[in-house]
């Protein structure tokens, strides 16, 4: 099973890969794999943000409901 990464770890990995691309530290063989990894990590971060936004929204609705009672 793959290790689950945190949002912060995903962002850090994206930044590191981008740095390596900008510094031309990756060879052609690595570049494709790294671009695919960045794509996966970006989608992971978007999903994590979407889920967090939904959770916060639900919590706020719950608080508003309790205050209205």
PDB file of N, CA and C in Angstrom:
ATOM      1  N   UNK A   1       0.842  -1.181   0.000  1.00  0.00           N
ATOM      2  CA  UNK A   1       0.000   0.000   0.000  1.00  0.00           C
ATOM      3  C   UNK A   1       0.886   1.243   0.000  1.00  0.00           C
ATOM      4  N   UNK A   2       0.529   2.221  -0.817  1.00  0.00           N
ATOM      5  CA  UNK A   2       1.295   3.458  -0.894  1.00  0.00           C
ATOM      6  C   UNK A   2       1.083   4.294   0.361  1.00  0.00           C
ATOM      7  N   UNK A   3       2.138   4.972   0.760  1.00  0.00           N
ATOM      8  CA  UNK A   3       2.066   5.856   1.929  1.00  0.00           C
ATOM      9  C   UNK A   3       1.189   7.057   1.590  1.00  0.00           C
ATOM     10  N   UNK A   4       0.263   7.366   2.462  1.00  0.00           N
ATOM     11  CA  UNK A   4      -0.594   8.527   2.257  1.00  0.00           C
ATOM     12  C   UNK A   4       0.195   9.773   2.631  1.00  0.00           C
ATOM     13  N   UNK A   5       0.169  10.757   1.751  1.00  0.00           N
ATOM     14  CA  UNK A   5       0.922  11.971   2.011  1.00  0.00           C
ATOM     15  C   UNK A   5      -0.007  13.094   2.441  1.00  0.00           C
ATOM     16  N   UNK A   6       0.551  14.040   3.147  1.00  0.00           N
ATOM     17  CA  UNK A   6      -0.240  15.194   3.572  1.00  0.00           C
ATOM     18  C   UNK A   6      -0.247  16.240   2.456  1.00  0.00           C
ATOM     19  N   UNK A   7      -1.122  17.198   2.593  1.00  0.00           N
ATOM     20  CA  UNK A   7      -1.200  18.296   1.639  1.00  0.00           C
ATOM     21  C   UNK A   7       0.147  19.023   1.574  1.00  0.00           C
ATOM     22  N   UNK A   8       0.712  19.294   2.741  1.00  0.00           N
ATOM     23  CA  UNK A   8       1.991  19.994   2.804  1.00  0.00           C
ATOM     24  C   UNK A   8       3.114  19.226   2.129  1.00  0.00           C
ATOM     25  N   UNK A   9       3.130  17.914   2.326  1.00  0.00           N
ATOM     26  CA  UNK A   9       4.145  17.075   1.675  1.00  0.00           C
ATOM     27  C   UNK A   9       3.976  17.085   0.161  1.00  0.00           C
ATOM     28  N   UNK A  10       2.727  17.072  -0.296  1.00  0.00           N
ATOM     29  CA  UNK A  10       2.457  17.095  -1.737  1.00  0.00           C
ATOM     30  C   UNK A  10       2.932  18.407  -2.349  1.00  0.00           C
ATOM     31  N   UNK A  11       2.632  19.512  -1.680  1.00  0.00           N
ATOM     32  CA  UNK A  11       3.059  20.823  -2.170  1.00  0.00           C
ATOM     33  C   UNK A  11       4.589  20.897  -2.217  1.00  0.00           C
ATOM     34  N   UNK A  12       5.229  20.411  -1.159  1.00  0.00           N
ATOM     35  CA  UNK A  12       6.697  20.433  -1.107  1.00  0.00           C
ATOM     36  C   UNK A  12       7.295  19.607  -2.239  1.00  0.00           C
ATOM     37  N   UNK A  13       6.687  18.459  -2.524  1.00  0.00           N
ATOM     38  CA  UNK A  13       7.191  17.616  -3.607  1.00  0.00           C
ATOM     39  C   UNK A  13       6.999  18.291  -4.968  1.00  0.00           C
ATOM     40  N   UNK A  14       5.855  18.928  -5.167  1.00  0.00           N
ATOM     41  CA  UNK A  14       5.609  19.671  -6.405  1.00  0.00           C
ATOM     42  C   UNK A  14       6.674  20.757  -6.572  1.00  0.00           C
ATOM     43  N   UNK A  15       6.908  21.514  -5.504  1.00  0.00           N
ATOM     44  CA  UNK A  15       7.891  22.594  -5.564  1.00  0.00           C
ATOM     45  C   UNK A  15       9.288  22.064  -5.882  1.00  0.00           C
ATOM     46  N   UNK A  16       9.643  20.928  -5.305  1.00  0.00           N
ATOM     47  CA  UNK A  16      10.959  20.337  -5.547  1.00  0.00           C
ATOM     48  C   UNK A  16      11.101  19.883  -7.002  1.00  0.00           C
ATOM     49  N   UNK A  17      10.062  19.263  -7.530  1.00  0.00           N
ATOM     50  CA  UNK A  17      10.103  18.823  -8.924  1.00  0.00           C
ATOM     51  C   UNK A  17      10.202  20.023  -9.856  1.00  0.00           C
ATOM     52  N   UNK A  18       9.433  21.069  -9.580  1.00  0.00           N
ATOM     53  CA  UNK A  18       9.484  22.274 -10.407  1.00  0.00           C
ATOM     54  C   UNK A  18      10.878  22.900 -10.347  1.00  0.00           C
ATOM     55  N   UNK A  19      11.471  22.931  -9.168  1.00  0.00           N
ATOM     56  CA  UNK A  19      12.819  23.474  -9.025  1.00  0.00           C
ATOM     57  C   UNK A  19      13.804  22.692  -9.894  1.00  0.00           C
ATOM     58  N   UNK A  20      13.686  21.359  -9.847  1.00  0.00           N
ATOM     59  CA  UNK A  20      14.584  20.518 -10.644  1.00  0.00           C
ATOM     60  C   UNK A  20      14.384  20.748 -12.144  1.00  0.00           C
ATOM     61  N   UNK A  21      13.136  20.934 -12.564  1.00  0.00           N
ATOM     62  CA  UNK A  21      12.861  21.207 -13.975  1.00  0.00           C
ATOM     63  C   UNK A  21      13.471  22.549 -14.363  1.00  0.00           C
ATOM     64  N   UNK A  22      13.247  23.571 -13.543  1.00  0.00           N
ATOM     65  CA  UNK A  22      13.775  24.901 -13.838  1.00  0.00           C
ATOM     66  C   UNK A  22      15.306  24.922 -13.866  1.00  0.00           C
ATOM     67  N   UNK A  23      15.925  24.125 -13.008  1.00  0.00           N
ATOM     68  CA  UNK A  23      17.386  24.071 -12.943  1.00  0.00           C
ATOM     69  C   UNK A  23      17.972  23.065 -13.937  1.00  0.00           C
ATOM     70  N   UNK A  24      17.089  22.451 -14.708  1.00  0.00           N
ATOM     71  CA  UNK A  24      17.476  21.448 -15.711  1.00  0.00           C
ATOM     72  C   UNK A  24      18.274  20.300 -15.092  1.00  0.00           C
ATOM     73  N   UNK A  25      17.837  19.858 -13.914  1.00  0.00           N
ATOM     74  CA  UNK A  25      18.491  18.760 -13.218  1.00  0.00           C
ATOM     75  C   UNK A  25      17.943  17.394 -13.604  1.00  0.00           C
ATOM     76  N   UNK A  26      16.870  17.368 -14.365  1.00  0.00           N
ATOM     77  CA  UNK A  26      16.252  16.100 -14.761  1.00  0.00           C
ATOM     78  C   UNK A  26      16.647  15.759 -16.193  1.00  0.00           C
ATOM     79  N   UNK A  27      16.931  14.492 -16.415  1.00  0.00           N
ATOM     80  CA  UNK A  27      17.179  14.088 -17.790  1.00  0.00           C
ATOM     81  C   UNK A  27      15.846  13.736 -18.451  1.00  0.00           C
ATOM     82  N   UNK A  28      15.881  13.520 -19.729  1.00  0.00           N
ATOM     83  CA  UNK A  28      14.670  13.267 -20.500  1.00  0.00           C
ATOM     84  C   UNK A  28      13.904  12.053 -19.978  1.00  0.00           C
ATOM     85  N   UNK A  29      14.631  11.040 -19.533  1.00  0.00           N
ATOM     86  CA  UNK A  29      13.981   9.824 -19.023  1.00  0.00           C
ATOM     87  C   UNK A  29      13.181  10.103 -17.756  1.00  0.00           C
ATOM     88  N   UNK A  30      13.664  10.995 -16.929  1.00  0.00           N
ATOM     89  CA  UNK A  30      12.971  11.318 -15.679  1.00  0.00           C
ATOM     90  C   UNK A  30      11.844  12.319 -15.876  1.00  0.00           C
ATOM     91  N   UNK A  31      11.987  13.185 -16.854  1.00  0.00           N
ATOM     92  CA  UNK A  31      11.064  14.297 -17.033  1.00  0.00           C
ATOM     93  C   UNK A  31       9.616  13.844 -17.167  1.00  0.00           C
ATOM     94  N   UNK A  32       9.353  12.877 -18.006  1.00  0.00           N
ATOM     95  CA  UNK A  32       7.984  12.398 -18.207  1.00  0.00           C
ATOM     96  C   UNK A  32       7.386  11.871 -16.904  1.00  0.00           C
ATOM     97  N   UNK A  33       8.154  11.067 -16.170  1.00  0.00           N
ATOM     98  CA  UNK A  33       7.663  10.527 -14.897  1.00  0.00           C
ATOM     99  C   UNK A  33       7.377  11.632 -13.891  1.00  0.00           C
ATOM    100  N   UNK A  34       8.250  12.630 -13.846  1.00  0.00           N
ATOM    101  CA  UNK A  34       8.072  13.730 -12.885  1.00  0.00           C
ATOM    102  C   UNK A  34       6.867  14.590 -13.242  1.00  0.00           C
ATOM    103  N   UNK A  35       6.652  14.810 -14.536  1.00  0.00           N
ATOM    104  CA  UNK A  35       5.482  15.589 -14.958  1.00  0.00           C
ATOM    105  C   UNK A  35       4.203  14.832 -14.595  1.00  0.00           C
ATOM    106  N   UNK A  36       4.194  13.524 -14.794  1.00  0.00           N
ATOM    107  CA  UNK A  36       3.035  12.709 -14.397  1.00  0.00           C
ATOM    108  C   UNK A  36       2.824  12.778 -12.893  1.00  0.00           C
ATOM    109  N   UNK A  37       3.908  12.737 -12.130  1.00  0.00           N
ATOM    110  CA  UNK A  37       3.811  12.813 -10.659  1.00  0.00           C
ATOM    111  C   UNK A  37       3.234  14.161 -10.240  1.00  0.00           C
ATOM    112  N   UNK A  38       3.702  15.242 -10.851  1.00  0.00           N
ATOM    113  CA  UNK A  38       3.175  16.570 -10.525  1.00  0.00           C
ATOM    114  C   UNK A  38       1.683  16.641 -10.841  1.00  0.00           C
ATOM    115  N   UNK A  39       1.278  16.083 -11.965  1.00  0.00           N
ATOM    116  CA  UNK A  39      -0.137  16.066 -12.330  1.00  0.00           C
ATOM    117  C   UNK A  39      -0.961  15.331 -11.273  1.00  0.00           C
ATOM    118  N   UNK A  40      -0.470  14.171 -10.843  1.00  0.00           N
ATOM    119  CA  UNK A  40      -1.146  13.414  -9.791  1.00  0.00           C
ATOM    120  C   UNK A  40      -1.231  14.232  -8.506  1.00  0.00           C
ATOM    121  N   UNK A  41      -0.128  14.863  -8.120  1.00  0.00           N
ATOM    122  CA  UNK A  41      -0.097  15.628  -6.870  1.00  0.00           C
ATOM    123  C   UNK A  41      -1.017  16.844  -6.922  1.00  0.00           C
ATOM    124  N   UNK A  42      -1.077  17.512  -8.061  1.00  0.00           N
ATOM    125  CA  UNK A  42      -1.983  18.652  -8.201  1.00  0.00           C
ATOM    126  C   UNK A  42      -3.429  18.205  -8.044  1.00  0.00           C
ATOM    127  N   UNK A  43      -3.783  17.102  -8.683  1.00  0.00           N
ATOM    128  CA  UNK A  43      -5.150  16.579  -8.547  1.00  0.00           C
ATOM    129  C   UNK A  43      -5.439  16.172  -7.103  1.00  0.00           C
ATOM    130  N   UNK A  44      -4.450  15.563  -6.446  1.00  0.00           N
ATOM    131  CA  UNK A  44      -4.587  15.182  -5.039  1.00  0.00           C
ATOM    132  C   UNK A  44      -4.850  16.424  -4.182  1.00  0.00           C
ATOM    133  N   UNK A  45      -4.086  17.484  -4.400  1.00  0.00           N
ATOM    134  CA  UNK A  45      -4.243  18.712  -3.616  1.00  0.00           C
ATOM    135  C   UNK A  45      -5.595  19.367  -3.873  1.00  0.00           C
ATOM    136  N   UNK A  46      -6.020  19.387  -5.112  1.00  0.00           N
ATOM    137  CA  UNK A  46      -7.337  19.959  -5.438  1.00  0.00           C
ATOM    138  C   UNK A  46      -8.447  19.196  -4.713  1.00  0.00           C
ATOM    139  N   UNK A  47      -8.369  17.884  -4.737  1.00  0.00           N
ATOM    140  CA  UNK A  47      -9.386  17.060  -4.066  1.00  0.00           C
ATOM    141  C   UNK A  47      -9.361  17.299  -2.557  1.00  0.00           C
ATOM    142  N   UNK A  48      -8.166  17.389  -2.009  1.00  0.00           N
ATOM    143  CA  UNK A  48      -8.017  17.639  -0.575  1.00  0.00           C
ATOM    144  C   UNK A  48      -8.631  18.994  -0.207  1.00  0.00           C
ATOM    145  N   UNK A  49      -8.374  20.014  -1.014  1.00  0.00           N
ATOM    146  CA  UNK A  49      -8.949  21.336  -0.769  1.00  0.00           C
ATOM    147  C   UNK A  49     -10.469  21.317  -0.896  1.00  0.00           C
ATOM    148  N   UNK A  50     -10.965  20.617  -1.917  1.00  0.00           N
ATOM    149  CA  UNK A  50     -12.419  20.519  -2.115  1.00  0.00           C
ATOM    150  C   UNK A  50     -13.086  19.846  -0.913  1.00  0.00           C
ATOM    151  N   UNK A  51     -12.484  18.754  -0.448  1.00  0.00           N
ATOM    152  CA  UNK A  51     -13.037  18.045   0.709  1.00  0.00           C
ATOM    153  C   UNK A  51     -12.993  18.897   1.975  1.00  0.00           C
ATOM    154  N   UNK A  52     -11.898  19.605   2.157  1.00  0.00           N
ATOM    155  CA  UNK A  52     -11.759  20.467   3.332  1.00  0.00           C
ATOM    156  C   UNK A  52     -12.783  21.590   3.292  1.00  0.00           C
ATOM    157  N   UNK A  53     -12.961  22.188   2.124  1.00  0.00           N
ATOM    158  CA  UNK A  53     -13.947  23.258   1.975  1.00  0.00           C
ATOM    159  C   UNK A  53     -15.356  22.748   2.311  1.00  0.00           C
ATOM    160  N   UNK A  54     -15.671  21.564   1.846  1.00  0.00           N
ATOM    161  CA  UNK A  54     -16.980  20.970   2.117  1.00  0.00           C
ATOM    162  C   UNK A  54     -17.164  20.702   3.613  1.00  0.00           C
ATOM    163  N   UNK A  55     -16.132  20.161   4.255  1.00  0.00           N
ATOM    164  CA  UNK A  55     -16.202  19.885   5.696  1.00  0.00           C
ATOM    165  C   UNK A  55     -16.390  21.164   6.494  1.00  0.00           C
ATOM    166  N   UNK A  56     -15.637  22.198   6.158  1.00  0.00           N
ATOM    167  CA  UNK A  56     -15.749  23.475   6.875  1.00  0.00           C
ATOM    168  C   UNK A  56     -17.135  24.069   6.665  1.00  0.00           C
ATOM    169  N   UNK A  57     -17.628  23.998   5.449  1.00  0.00           N
ATOM    170  CA  UNK A  57     -18.963  24.510   5.153  1.00  0.00           C
ATOM    171  C   UNK A  57     -20.020  23.782   5.975  1.00  0.00           C
ATOM    172  N   UNK A  58     -19.905  22.468   6.066  1.00  0.00           N
ATOM    173  CA  UNK A  58     -20.862  21.689   6.865  1.00  0.00           C
ATOM    174  C   UNK A  58     -20.774  22.051   8.341  1.00  0.00           C
ATOM    175  N   UNK A  59     -19.588  22.252   8.842  1.00  0.00           N
ATOM    176  CA  UNK A  59     -19.413  22.625  10.250  1.00  0.00           C
ATOM    177  C   UNK A  59     -20.047  23.989  10.510  1.00  0.00           C
ATOM    178  N   UNK A  60     -19.810  24.938   9.608  1.00  0.00           N
ATOM    179  CA  UNK A  60     -20.390  26.268   9.778  1.00  0.00           C
ATOM    180  C   UNK A  60     -21.911  26.226   9.724  1.00  0.00           C
ATOM    181  N   UNK A  61     -22.469  25.411   8.840  1.00  0.00           N
ATOM    182  CA  UNK A  61     -23.925  25.263   8.764  1.00  0.00           C
ATOM    183  C   UNK A  61     -24.472  24.681  10.069  1.00  0.00           C
ATOM    184  N   UNK A  62     -23.741  23.707  10.620  1.00  0.00           N
ATOM    185  CA  UNK A  62     -24.147  23.104  11.886  1.00  0.00           C
ATOM    186  C   UNK A  62     -24.139  24.135  13.015  1.00  0.00           C
ATOM    187  N   UNK A  63     -23.114  24.951  13.047  1.00  0.00           N
ATOM    188  CA  UNK A  63     -23.010  25.989  14.076  1.00  0.00           C
ATOM    189  C   UNK A  63     -24.150  26.991  13.935  1.00  0.00           C
ATOM    190  N   UNK A  64     -24.424  27.418  12.710  1.00  0.00           N
ATOM    191  CA  UNK A  64     -25.527  28.350  12.471  1.00  0.00           C
ATOM    192  C   UNK A  64     -26.862  27.750  12.889  1.00  0.00           C
ATOM    193  N   UNK A  65     -27.045  26.478  12.600  1.00  0.00           N
ATOM    194  CA  UNK A  65     -28.292  25.802  12.961  1.00  0.00           C
ATOM    195  C   UNK A  65     -28.462  25.758  14.470  1.00  0.00           C
ATOM    196  N   UNK A  66     -27.371  25.432  15.198  1.00  0.00           N
ATOM    197  CA  UNK A  66     -27.432  25.370  16.649  1.00  0.00           C
ATOM    198  C   UNK A  66     -27.696  26.733  17.250  1.00  0.00           C
ATOM    199  N   UNK A  67     -27.161  27.786  16.659  1.00  0.00           N
ATOM    200  CA  UNK A  67     -27.384  29.135  17.155  1.00  0.00           C
ATOM    201  C   UNK A  67     -28.812  29.598  16.904  1.00  0.00           C
ATOM    202  N   UNK A  68     -29.423  29.090  15.840  1.00  0.00           N
ATOM    203  CA  UNK A  68     -30.798  29.454  15.518  1.00  0.00           C
ATOM    204  C   UNK A  68     -31.805  28.764  16.445  1.00  0.00           C
ATOM    205  N   UNK A  69     -31.400  27.630  17.018  1.00  0.00           N
ATOM    206  CA  UNK A  69     -32.324  26.877  17.894  1.00  0.00           C
ATOM    207  C   UNK A  69     -32.515  27.512  19.227  1.00  0.00           C
TER     208      UNK A  69
END
